[in-house]
Amino acid sequence: MGYYGNSPEPRFSVETGYAPNQDEFEFRRQFVITVALRLTEITARAVPPSWK
């Protein structure tokens, strides 16, 4: 996925004929969910900087 030229819309690019099976799709879906949850946990535990 990326932005090309002056277009505000993202474009998606995949290899011709690419079609993930159910196991591949589920693995990737779980990966994205796990990363999102871990980033949320890190953010929640982060100590904000002390600006004085």
N, C-alpha and C. Protein backbone atom coordinates (compact mmCIF):
# COMPACT_ATOMS: atom_id res chain seq x y z
N MET A 1 0.85 -1.16 0.00
CA MET A 1 0.00 0.00 0.00
C MET A 1 0.89 1.22 0.00
N GLY A 2 0.49 2.22 -0.73
CA GLY A 2 1.26 3.43 -0.75
C GLY A 2 0.50 4.54 -1.44
N TYR A 3 1.04 5.73 -1.34
CA TYR A 3 0.48 6.89 -2.01
C TYR A 3 1.39 7.23 -3.17
N TYR A 4 0.80 7.45 -4.32
CA TYR A 4 1.59 7.70 -5.52
C TYR A 4 1.18 9.01 -6.15
N GLY A 5 2.17 9.77 -6.58
CA GLY A 5 1.88 11.04 -7.22
C GLY A 5 1.21 12.00 -6.27
N ASN A 6 0.29 12.76 -6.76
CA ASN A 6 -0.43 13.74 -5.95
C ASN A 6 -1.77 13.20 -5.46
N SER A 7 -2.02 11.94 -5.65
CA SER A 7 -3.30 11.35 -5.26
C SER A 7 -3.41 11.21 -3.75
N PRO A 8 -4.53 11.67 -3.16
CA PRO A 8 -4.73 11.49 -1.72
C PRO A 8 -5.19 10.08 -1.36
N GLU A 9 -5.54 9.29 -2.37
CA GLU A 9 -6.04 7.94 -2.15
C GLU A 9 -4.89 6.93 -2.18
N PRO A 10 -4.86 5.99 -1.22
CA PRO A 10 -3.81 4.96 -1.25
C PRO A 10 -4.06 3.98 -2.39
N ARG A 11 -2.99 3.40 -2.88
CA ARG A 11 -3.09 2.36 -3.91
C ARG A 11 -2.52 1.08 -3.35
N PHE A 12 -3.14 -0.02 -3.71
CA PHE A 12 -2.72 -1.33 -3.24
C PHE A 12 -2.10 -2.08 -4.40
N SER A 13 -1.02 -2.78 -4.12
CA SER A 13 -0.33 -3.52 -5.16
C SER A 13 -0.03 -4.93 -4.65
N VAL A 14 -0.46 -5.92 -5.43
CA VAL A 14 -0.17 -7.32 -5.09
C VAL A 14 0.26 -8.05 -6.36
N GLU A 15 0.92 -9.17 -6.15
CA GLU A 15 1.33 -9.97 -7.30
C GLU A 15 0.10 -10.54 -8.00
N THR A 16 0.21 -10.65 -9.31
CA THR A 16 -0.88 -11.24 -10.09
C THR A 16 -1.16 -12.65 -9.61
N GLY A 17 -2.42 -12.94 -9.38
CA GLY A 17 -2.82 -14.27 -8.96
C GLY A 17 -2.72 -14.52 -7.47
N TYR A 18 -2.28 -13.53 -6.69
CA TYR A 18 -2.14 -13.73 -5.24
C TYR A 18 -3.52 -13.84 -4.61
N ALA A 19 -3.72 -14.91 -3.89
CA ALA A 19 -4.97 -15.12 -3.17
C ALA A 19 -4.66 -15.95 -1.93
N PRO A 20 -4.52 -15.29 -0.77
CA PRO A 20 -4.18 -16.05 0.44
C PRO A 20 -5.29 -17.03 0.81
N ASN A 21 -4.88 -18.18 1.33
CA ASN A 21 -5.88 -19.13 1.79
C ASN A 21 -6.35 -18.72 3.19
N GLN A 22 -7.28 -19.43 3.74
CA GLN A 22 -7.86 -19.06 5.03
C GLN A 22 -6.82 -19.03 6.15
N ASP A 23 -5.90 -19.99 6.16
CA ASP A 23 -4.86 -20.02 7.20
C ASP A 23 -3.94 -18.81 7.11
N GLU A 24 -3.53 -18.44 5.90
CA GLU A 24 -2.68 -17.27 5.72
C GLU A 24 -3.41 -16.00 6.16
N PHE A 25 -4.66 -15.89 5.76
CA PHE A 25 -5.45 -14.72 6.15
C PHE A 25 -5.57 -14.64 7.67
N GLU A 26 -5.88 -15.74 8.31
CA GLU A 26 -6.06 -15.74 9.77
C GLU A 26 -4.75 -15.40 10.49
N PHE A 27 -3.63 -15.92 10.00
CA PHE A 27 -2.34 -15.60 10.60
C PHE A 27 -2.08 -14.10 10.55
N ARG A 28 -2.30 -13.51 9.38
CA ARG A 28 -2.05 -12.08 9.22
C ARG A 28 -3.02 -11.25 10.06
N ARG A 29 -4.26 -11.67 10.13
CA ARG A 29 -5.26 -10.97 10.94
C ARG A 29 -4.85 -10.99 12.41
N GLN A 30 -4.46 -12.15 12.91
CA GLN A 30 -4.04 -12.27 14.30
C GLN A 30 -2.78 -11.45 14.57
N PHE A 31 -1.87 -11.40 13.61
CA PHE A 31 -0.65 -10.61 13.75
C PHE A 31 -0.99 -9.13 13.95
N VAL A 32 -1.86 -8.61 13.10
CA VAL A 32 -2.24 -7.20 13.19
C VAL A 32 -2.92 -6.91 14.52
N ILE A 33 -3.80 -7.79 14.96
CA ILE A 33 -4.49 -7.60 16.24
C ILE A 33 -3.49 -7.63 17.39
N THR A 34 -2.57 -8.58 17.37
CA THR A 34 -1.56 -8.69 18.44
C THR A 34 -0.69 -7.45 18.50
N VAL A 35 -0.23 -6.96 17.36
CA VAL A 35 0.60 -5.76 17.34
C VAL A 35 -0.18 -4.56 17.88
N ALA A 36 -1.43 -4.42 17.47
CA ALA A 36 -2.24 -3.30 17.95
C ALA A 36 -2.42 -3.35 19.46
N LEU A 37 -2.67 -4.53 19.99
CA LEU A 37 -2.84 -4.67 21.44
C LEU A 37 -1.54 -4.37 22.18
N ARG A 38 -0.42 -4.84 21.66
CA ARG A 38 0.87 -4.57 22.32
C ARG A 38 1.22 -3.09 22.29
N LEU A 39 0.96 -2.43 21.17
CA LEU A 39 1.24 -1.00 21.09
C LEU A 39 0.34 -0.22 22.04
N THR A 40 -0.91 -0.65 22.18
CA THR A 40 -1.82 -0.01 23.12
C THR A 40 -1.33 -0.18 24.54
N GLU A 41 -0.84 -1.37 24.87
CA GLU A 41 -0.32 -1.63 26.21
C GLU A 41 0.91 -0.76 26.49
N ILE A 42 1.80 -0.67 25.52
CA ILE A 42 3.00 0.16 25.69
C ILE A 42 2.60 1.62 25.92
N THR A 43 1.67 2.10 25.12
CA THR A 43 1.22 3.48 25.25
C THR A 43 0.57 3.72 26.61
N ALA A 44 -0.22 2.78 27.08
CA ALA A 44 -0.90 2.94 28.36
C ALA A 44 0.08 2.96 29.51
N ARG A 45 1.20 2.27 29.40
CA ARG A 45 2.18 2.21 30.48
C ARG A 45 3.24 3.30 30.37
N ALA A 46 3.25 4.02 29.28
CA ALA A 46 4.27 5.04 29.08
C ALA A 46 4.09 6.17 30.08
N VAL A 47 5.20 6.66 30.56
CA VAL A 47 5.19 7.79 31.49
C VAL A 47 5.41 9.05 30.67
N PRO A 48 4.46 9.97 30.73
CA PRO A 48 4.63 11.19 29.94
C PRO A 48 5.84 11.98 30.41
N PRO A 49 6.51 12.66 29.51
CA PRO A 49 7.69 13.44 29.90
C PRO A 49 7.29 14.59 30.81
N SER A 50 8.19 14.97 31.66
CA SER A 50 7.96 16.09 32.55
C SER A 50 8.48 17.35 31.90
N TRP A 51 7.58 18.20 31.43
CA TRP A 51 7.95 19.45 30.76
C TRP A 51 7.89 20.58 31.78
N LYS A 52 9.04 21.06 32.16
CA LYS A 52 9.09 22.15 33.14
C LYS A 52 9.73 23.36 32.55
